[in-house]
Amino acid sequence: MNPNPLKVGVLTENSEGIGTVTRKMVRERAVELAEIKGHTAQEVSKTDWEQARRELTGEPAPDRDPKELLLESASEAERWDPVPGSVGQAVPVSGSEDEDEEGRSDNTRLTEEGIAGAEHDQMRQSSRSAE
C-alpha cells in the first residue's frame, strides 16, 4: 500500500500545520541542526541542508542499510515467512487509509513526531544554554 504523500514528512510544528515545505523552512532547520552541533548559522554544512530537507519532506536517509531497505520493501507476509517458498495461503489484509505501511495509525505517528520534536527542542535549548 502506497502511503498518502500528504501524510509523509513533518506535518506540524508547535501544534500548527507547516503547509508546503519552502526553501526558507529548510534553511531554518539546517541552521538549527548546525547550532545543535555547536556551529554558527554561517557554518551550515551540506549535510545539514540535506538532513533538513529529508526531515521536512519525509525522504528516507541515503545511508540506510540496503538490506534494511529491501526488508522494509517486502510485504509483511514475506518478512515473517520462516521458510520461504513453503505452502500456505495468505489472507489479503485490507489496508486502512489511516494507517501507514507499518500499521501505525495517524495518532501514533503524530505522537512519535511530537516526541521527536520535543527532543529536538531540548537539544536546541541545551546547545544555546551551553553558549
N, C-alpha and C. Protein backbone atom coordinates (compact mmCIF):
# COMPACT_ATOMS: atom_id res chain seq x y z
N MET A 1 0.84 -1.16 0.00
CA MET A 1 0.00 0.00 0.00
C MET A 1 0.89 1.23 0.00
N ASN A 2 0.70 2.12 -0.94
CA ASN A 2 1.48 3.34 -1.01
C ASN A 2 0.92 4.35 -0.03
N PRO A 3 1.80 4.97 0.78
CA PRO A 3 1.30 5.94 1.75
C PRO A 3 0.82 7.20 1.05
N ASN A 4 -0.09 7.86 1.67
CA ASN A 4 -0.59 9.12 1.16
C ASN A 4 0.53 10.14 1.28
N PRO A 5 0.98 10.79 0.16
CA PRO A 5 2.10 11.73 0.25
C PRO A 5 1.81 12.91 1.16
N LEU A 6 0.57 13.20 1.41
CA LEU A 6 0.24 14.30 2.31
C LEU A 6 0.49 13.93 3.75
N LYS A 7 0.65 12.63 4.05
CA LYS A 7 0.86 12.19 5.42
C LYS A 7 2.32 11.85 5.70
N VAL A 8 3.22 12.15 4.77
CA VAL A 8 4.63 11.84 4.92
C VAL A 8 5.37 13.14 5.23
N GLY A 9 6.37 13.06 6.11
CA GLY A 9 7.15 14.24 6.46
C GLY A 9 6.56 14.95 7.66
N VAL A 10 7.13 16.08 7.99
CA VAL A 10 6.67 16.84 9.14
C VAL A 10 5.33 17.46 8.80
N LEU A 11 4.35 17.30 9.69
CA LEU A 11 3.03 17.86 9.46
C LEU A 11 2.78 19.11 10.28
N THR A 12 3.30 19.13 11.50
CA THR A 12 3.04 20.26 12.37
C THR A 12 4.31 20.71 13.07
N GLU A 13 4.26 21.95 13.54
CA GLU A 13 5.33 22.49 14.37
C GLU A 13 4.65 23.34 15.42
N ASN A 14 4.87 22.98 16.68
CA ASN A 14 4.22 23.68 17.80
C ASN A 14 2.70 23.70 17.61
N SER A 15 2.16 22.56 17.23
CA SER A 15 0.72 22.34 17.05
C SER A 15 0.11 23.12 15.91
N GLU A 16 0.91 23.67 15.02
CA GLU A 16 0.41 24.38 13.85
C GLU A 16 0.89 23.66 12.61
N GLY A 17 0.00 23.52 11.63
CA GLY A 17 0.38 22.88 10.38
C GLY A 17 1.45 23.69 9.67
N ILE A 18 2.43 23.00 9.04
CA ILE A 18 3.51 23.73 8.38
C ILE A 18 3.20 24.03 6.92
N GLY A 19 2.26 23.33 6.31
CA GLY A 19 1.93 23.59 4.91
C GLY A 19 3.02 23.09 3.99
N THR A 20 3.19 23.78 2.87
CA THR A 20 4.19 23.40 1.89
C THR A 20 5.58 23.73 2.41
N VAL A 21 6.50 22.79 2.24
CA VAL A 21 7.88 22.99 2.69
C VAL A 21 8.56 23.96 1.73
N THR A 22 9.08 25.05 2.29
CA THR A 22 9.75 26.08 1.48
C THR A 22 11.25 26.04 1.71
N ARG A 23 11.99 26.71 0.84
CA ARG A 23 13.45 26.79 0.99
C ARG A 23 13.80 27.49 2.31
N LYS A 24 13.03 28.47 2.70
CA LYS A 24 13.28 29.17 3.96
C LYS A 24 13.15 28.21 5.14
N MET A 25 12.15 27.34 5.10
CA MET A 25 11.96 26.37 6.18
C MET A 25 13.14 25.42 6.25
N VAL A 26 13.62 24.97 5.09
CA VAL A 26 14.77 24.06 5.05
C VAL A 26 16.00 24.78 5.60
N ARG A 27 16.19 26.05 5.21
CA ARG A 27 17.34 26.83 5.70
C ARG A 27 17.29 26.98 7.22
N GLU A 28 16.11 27.31 7.76
CA GLU A 28 15.97 27.47 9.21
C GLU A 28 16.28 26.16 9.94
N ARG A 29 15.80 25.06 9.39
CA ARG A 29 16.06 23.76 10.02
C ARG A 29 17.54 23.41 9.93
N ALA A 30 18.18 23.72 8.80
CA ALA A 30 19.60 23.45 8.64
C ALA A 30 20.42 24.26 9.64
N VAL A 31 20.03 25.51 9.87
CA VAL A 31 20.71 26.33 10.87
C VAL A 31 20.54 25.73 12.26
N GLU A 32 19.33 25.25 12.57
CA GLU A 32 19.10 24.59 13.87
C GLU A 32 20.00 23.38 14.03
N LEU A 33 20.13 22.57 12.98
CA LEU A 33 20.98 21.39 13.05
C LEU A 33 22.44 21.78 13.26
N ALA A 34 22.88 22.84 12.59
CA ALA A 34 24.26 23.31 12.77
C ALA A 34 24.47 23.80 14.20
N GLU A 35 23.50 24.53 14.75
CA GLU A 35 23.62 25.03 16.12
C GLU A 35 23.67 23.88 17.12
N ILE A 36 22.91 22.83 16.87
CA ILE A 36 22.93 21.66 17.76
C ILE A 36 24.33 21.04 17.76
N LYS A 37 25.00 21.08 16.61
CA LYS A 37 26.35 20.54 16.50
C LYS A 37 27.41 21.51 17.02
N GLY A 38 26.98 22.70 17.46
CA GLY A 38 27.92 23.67 18.01
C GLY A 38 28.49 24.63 16.99
N HIS A 39 27.90 24.68 15.80
CA HIS A 39 28.37 25.59 14.75
C HIS A 39 27.50 26.84 14.74
N THR A 40 27.96 27.83 14.00
CA THR A 40 27.16 29.07 13.87
C THR A 40 26.26 28.95 12.65
N ALA A 41 25.39 29.94 12.49
CA ALA A 41 24.47 29.93 11.35
C ALA A 41 25.22 30.05 10.02
N GLN A 42 26.41 30.63 10.05
CA GLN A 42 27.21 30.77 8.83
C GLN A 42 27.97 29.48 8.50
N GLU A 43 28.01 28.55 9.44
CA GLU A 43 28.77 27.31 9.24
C GLU A 43 27.87 26.11 8.92
N VAL A 44 26.74 26.36 8.29
CA VAL A 44 25.83 25.29 7.92
C VAL A 44 26.47 24.46 6.81
N SER A 45 26.54 23.15 7.02
CA SER A 45 27.19 22.27 6.04
C SER A 45 26.15 21.71 5.06
N LYS A 46 26.67 21.10 4.01
CA LYS A 46 25.81 20.48 3.00
C LYS A 46 24.98 19.36 3.64
N THR A 47 25.60 18.61 4.56
CA THR A 47 24.86 17.53 5.21
C THR A 47 23.73 18.07 6.08
N ASP A 48 23.94 19.24 6.68
CA ASP A 48 22.86 19.87 7.45
C ASP A 48 21.68 20.20 6.53
N TRP A 49 21.99 20.75 5.35
CA TRP A 49 20.94 21.09 4.38
C TRP A 49 20.18 19.82 3.96
N GLU A 50 20.94 18.78 3.64
CA GLU A 50 20.30 17.55 3.16
C GLU A 50 19.45 16.91 4.25
N GLN A 51 19.96 16.89 5.48
CA GLN A 51 19.19 16.31 6.58
C GLN A 51 17.93 17.13 6.84
N ALA A 52 18.03 18.44 6.79
CA ALA A 52 16.87 19.30 7.00
C ALA A 52 15.81 19.04 5.93
N ARG A 53 16.23 18.93 4.69
CA ARG A 53 15.28 18.66 3.59
C ARG A 53 14.61 17.31 3.78
N ARG A 54 15.41 16.28 4.15
CA ARG A 54 14.83 14.94 4.36
C ARG A 54 13.83 14.96 5.51
N GLU A 55 14.17 15.63 6.60
CA GLU A 55 13.28 15.67 7.76
C GLU A 55 11.95 16.35 7.42
N LEU A 56 12.02 17.43 6.68
CA LEU A 56 10.80 18.19 6.39
C LEU A 56 9.94 17.55 5.31
N THR A 57 10.57 16.81 4.40
CA THR A 57 9.80 16.20 3.32
C THR A 57 9.50 14.73 3.55
N GLY A 58 10.14 14.11 4.56
CA GLY A 58 9.88 12.71 4.86
C GLY A 58 10.64 11.73 3.99
N GLU A 59 11.70 12.19 3.32
CA GLU A 59 12.50 11.30 2.49
C GLU A 59 13.36 10.39 3.37
N PRO A 60 13.64 9.17 2.93
CA PRO A 60 14.49 8.28 3.72
C PRO A 60 15.95 8.73 3.63
N ALA A 61 16.71 8.41 4.64
CA ALA A 61 18.14 8.75 4.66
C ALA A 61 18.88 7.88 3.64
N PRO A 62 19.83 8.45 2.89
CA PRO A 62 20.54 7.67 1.86
C PRO A 62 21.52 6.66 2.45
N ASP A 63 21.92 6.83 3.69
CA ASP A 63 22.91 5.95 4.28
C ASP A 63 22.29 4.73 4.96
N ARG A 64 21.04 4.48 4.70
CA ARG A 64 20.39 3.33 5.31
C ARG A 64 20.93 2.05 4.68
N ASP A 65 20.97 1.02 5.46
CA ASP A 65 21.48 -0.28 5.03
C ASP A 65 20.60 -0.81 3.90
N PRO A 66 21.19 -1.20 2.75
CA PRO A 66 20.39 -1.70 1.64
C PRO A 66 19.56 -2.92 2.01
N LYS A 67 20.10 -3.77 2.91
CA LYS A 67 19.33 -4.95 3.33
C LYS A 67 18.09 -4.53 4.12
N GLU A 68 18.26 -3.50 4.94
CA GLU A 68 17.12 -3.00 5.73
C GLU A 68 16.05 -2.40 4.81
N LEU A 69 16.48 -1.64 3.79
CA LEU A 69 15.53 -1.07 2.84
C LEU A 69 14.81 -2.17 2.06
N LEU A 70 15.55 -3.21 1.68
CA LEU A 70 14.94 -4.33 0.96
C LEU A 70 13.92 -5.04 1.84
N LEU A 71 14.27 -5.24 3.10
CA LEU A 71 13.36 -5.89 4.03
C LEU A 71 12.10 -5.07 4.22
N GLU A 72 12.26 -3.75 4.33
CA GLU A 72 11.09 -2.88 4.51
C GLU A 72 10.20 -2.87 3.27
N SER A 73 10.81 -3.04 2.09
CA SER A 73 10.02 -3.01 0.87
C SER A 73 9.22 -4.30 0.68
N ALA A 74 9.64 -5.38 1.33
CA ALA A 74 8.93 -6.66 1.23
C ALA A 74 7.62 -6.58 2.01
N SER A 75 6.66 -7.35 1.57
CA SER A 75 5.40 -7.37 2.30
C SER A 75 5.60 -8.01 3.66
N GLU A 76 4.69 -7.75 4.56
CA GLU A 76 4.82 -8.29 5.91
C GLU A 76 4.81 -9.82 5.89
N ALA A 77 4.03 -10.40 5.01
CA ALA A 77 3.97 -11.86 4.92
C ALA A 77 5.34 -12.43 4.52
N GLU A 78 6.04 -11.75 3.60
CA GLU A 78 7.36 -12.22 3.18
C GLU A 78 8.39 -12.03 4.29
N ARG A 79 8.26 -10.96 5.08
CA ARG A 79 9.22 -10.71 6.16
C ARG A 79 9.13 -11.76 7.25
N TRP A 80 7.92 -12.26 7.50
CA TRP A 80 7.73 -13.19 8.61
C TRP A 80 7.65 -14.64 8.17
N ASP A 81 7.92 -14.90 6.92
CA ASP A 81 7.87 -16.26 6.42
C ASP A 81 9.12 -17.01 6.88
N PRO A 82 8.99 -17.97 7.84
CA PRO A 82 10.17 -18.66 8.36
C PRO A 82 10.82 -19.56 7.32
N VAL A 83 10.04 -20.08 6.40
CA VAL A 83 10.57 -20.95 5.35
C VAL A 83 10.06 -20.42 4.02
N PRO A 84 10.85 -19.57 3.36
CA PRO A 84 10.39 -19.02 2.08
C PRO A 84 10.05 -20.14 1.09
N GLY A 85 8.95 -19.98 0.43
CA GLY A 85 8.52 -20.97 -0.54
C GLY A 85 7.66 -22.06 0.05
N SER A 86 7.39 -22.00 1.36
CA SER A 86 6.55 -23.04 1.96
C SER A 86 5.11 -22.87 1.49
N VAL A 87 4.38 -23.98 1.54
CA VAL A 87 3.00 -23.97 1.09
C VAL A 87 2.13 -23.25 2.11
N GLY A 88 1.22 -22.47 1.62
CA GLY A 88 0.31 -21.75 2.50
C GLY A 88 -0.46 -20.74 1.70
N GLN A 89 -1.46 -20.19 2.31
CA GLN A 89 -2.29 -19.22 1.62
C GLN A 89 -2.42 -17.99 2.52
N ALA A 90 -2.04 -16.86 1.97
CA ALA A 90 -2.12 -15.61 2.73
C ALA A 90 -3.50 -15.00 2.54
N VAL A 91 -4.08 -14.56 3.60
CA VAL A 91 -5.36 -13.89 3.53
C VAL A 91 -5.10 -12.42 3.28
N PRO A 92 -5.74 -11.84 2.26
CA PRO A 92 -5.48 -10.42 1.98
C PRO A 92 -5.94 -9.55 3.15
N VAL A 93 -5.08 -8.62 3.48
CA VAL A 93 -5.38 -7.69 4.57
C VAL A 93 -5.83 -6.38 3.95
N SER A 94 -6.99 -5.95 4.36
CA SER A 94 -7.47 -4.68 3.81
C SER A 94 -6.79 -3.55 4.56
N GLY A 95 -6.10 -2.72 3.82
CA GLY A 95 -5.39 -1.60 4.41
C GLY A 95 -6.35 -0.49 4.80
N SER A 96 -5.93 0.26 5.75
CA SER A 96 -6.72 1.39 6.19
C SER A 96 -6.06 2.66 5.72
N GLU A 97 -6.86 3.61 5.33
CA GLU A 97 -6.33 4.89 4.88
C GLU A 97 -5.63 5.63 6.02
N ASP A 98 -6.01 5.30 7.26
CA ASP A 98 -5.46 5.98 8.41
C ASP A 98 -4.24 5.28 9.00
N GLU A 99 -3.69 4.28 8.31
CA GLU A 99 -2.52 3.58 8.80
C GLU A 99 -1.42 3.63 7.75
N ASP A 100 -0.17 3.66 8.21
CA ASP A 100 0.94 3.62 7.28
C ASP A 100 1.34 2.17 7.02
N GLU A 101 2.45 1.97 6.31
CA GLU A 101 2.87 0.62 5.94
C GLU A 101 3.20 -0.24 7.15
N GLU A 102 3.57 0.40 8.26
CA GLU A 102 3.92 -0.35 9.46
C GLU A 102 2.71 -0.60 10.35
N GLY A 103 1.53 -0.16 9.90
CA GLY A 103 0.31 -0.38 10.67
C GLY A 103 0.09 0.64 11.77
N ARG A 104 0.87 1.73 11.74
CA ARG A 104 0.71 2.76 12.76
C ARG A 104 -0.41 3.71 12.35
N SER A 105 -1.25 4.05 13.29
CA SER A 105 -2.32 4.99 13.00
C SER A 105 -1.75 6.40 12.92
N ASP A 106 -2.56 7.32 12.40
CA ASP A 106 -2.14 8.72 12.34
C ASP A 106 -1.82 9.24 13.73
N ASN A 107 -2.63 8.87 14.70
CA ASN A 107 -2.40 9.35 16.07
C ASN A 107 -1.07 8.86 16.61
N THR A 108 -0.75 7.60 16.38
CA THR A 108 0.51 7.05 16.85
C THR A 108 1.68 7.75 16.18
N ARG A 109 1.59 7.93 14.87
CA ARG A 109 2.66 8.57 14.12
C ARG A 109 2.84 10.02 14.56
N LEU A 110 1.73 10.73 14.75
CA LEU A 110 1.82 12.12 15.19
C LEU A 110 2.40 12.22 16.59
N THR A 111 2.06 11.26 17.46
CA THR A 111 2.63 11.26 18.80
C THR A 111 4.14 11.07 18.73
N GLU A 112 4.59 10.14 17.90
CA GLU A 112 6.02 9.91 17.75
C GLU A 112 6.72 11.14 17.19
N GLU A 113 6.08 11.83 16.22
CA GLU A 113 6.66 13.05 15.67
C GLU A 113 6.73 14.14 16.74
N GLY A 114 5.72 14.20 17.59
CA GLY A 114 5.71 15.19 18.66
C GLY A 114 6.83 14.95 19.66
N ILE A 115 7.05 13.69 19.98
CA ILE A 115 8.14 13.33 20.90
C ILE A 115 9.48 13.70 20.27
N ALA A 116 9.64 13.39 19.00
CA ALA A 116 10.90 13.73 18.30
C ALA A 116 11.08 15.25 18.27
N GLY A 117 10.00 15.99 18.05
CA GLY A 117 10.08 17.44 18.04
C GLY A 117 10.47 18.00 19.40
N ALA A 118 9.92 17.41 20.46
CA ALA A 118 10.26 17.85 21.81
C ALA A 118 11.73 17.58 22.12
N GLU A 119 12.22 16.41 21.70
CA GLU A 119 13.63 16.10 21.90
C GLU A 119 14.51 17.09 21.15
N HIS A 120 14.09 17.44 19.93
CA HIS A 120 14.83 18.41 19.12
C HIS A 120 14.87 19.77 19.83
N ASP A 121 13.74 20.22 20.35
CA ASP A 121 13.69 21.49 21.06
C ASP A 121 14.61 21.48 22.28
N GLN A 122 14.64 20.36 22.99
CA GLN A 122 15.52 20.25 24.15
C GLN A 122 16.99 20.33 23.74
N MET A 123 17.35 19.70 22.62
CA MET A 123 18.72 19.76 22.14
C MET A 123 19.09 21.19 21.76
N ARG A 124 18.17 21.89 21.10
CA ARG A 124 18.43 23.29 20.72
C ARG A 124 18.62 24.15 21.95
N GLN A 125 17.75 23.98 22.93
CA GLN A 125 17.85 24.79 24.14
C GLN A 125 19.14 24.51 24.89
N SER A 126 19.54 23.24 24.95
CA SER A 126 20.77 22.92 25.66
C SER A 126 21.99 23.44 24.92
N SER A 127 21.96 23.44 23.58
CA SER A 127 23.10 23.97 22.83
C SER A 127 23.19 25.48 22.97
N ARG A 128 22.04 26.15 23.09
CA ARG A 128 22.04 27.60 23.28
C ARG A 128 22.50 27.96 24.70
N SER A 129 22.10 27.18 25.68
CA SER A 129 22.50 27.48 27.05
C SER A 129 23.98 27.20 27.26
N ALA A 130 24.54 26.29 26.47
CA ALA A 130 25.97 25.99 26.57
C ALA A 130 26.82 27.13 26.02
N GLU A 131 26.22 27.88 25.09
CA GLU A 131 26.96 29.01 24.50
C GLU A 131 27.12 30.07 25.54
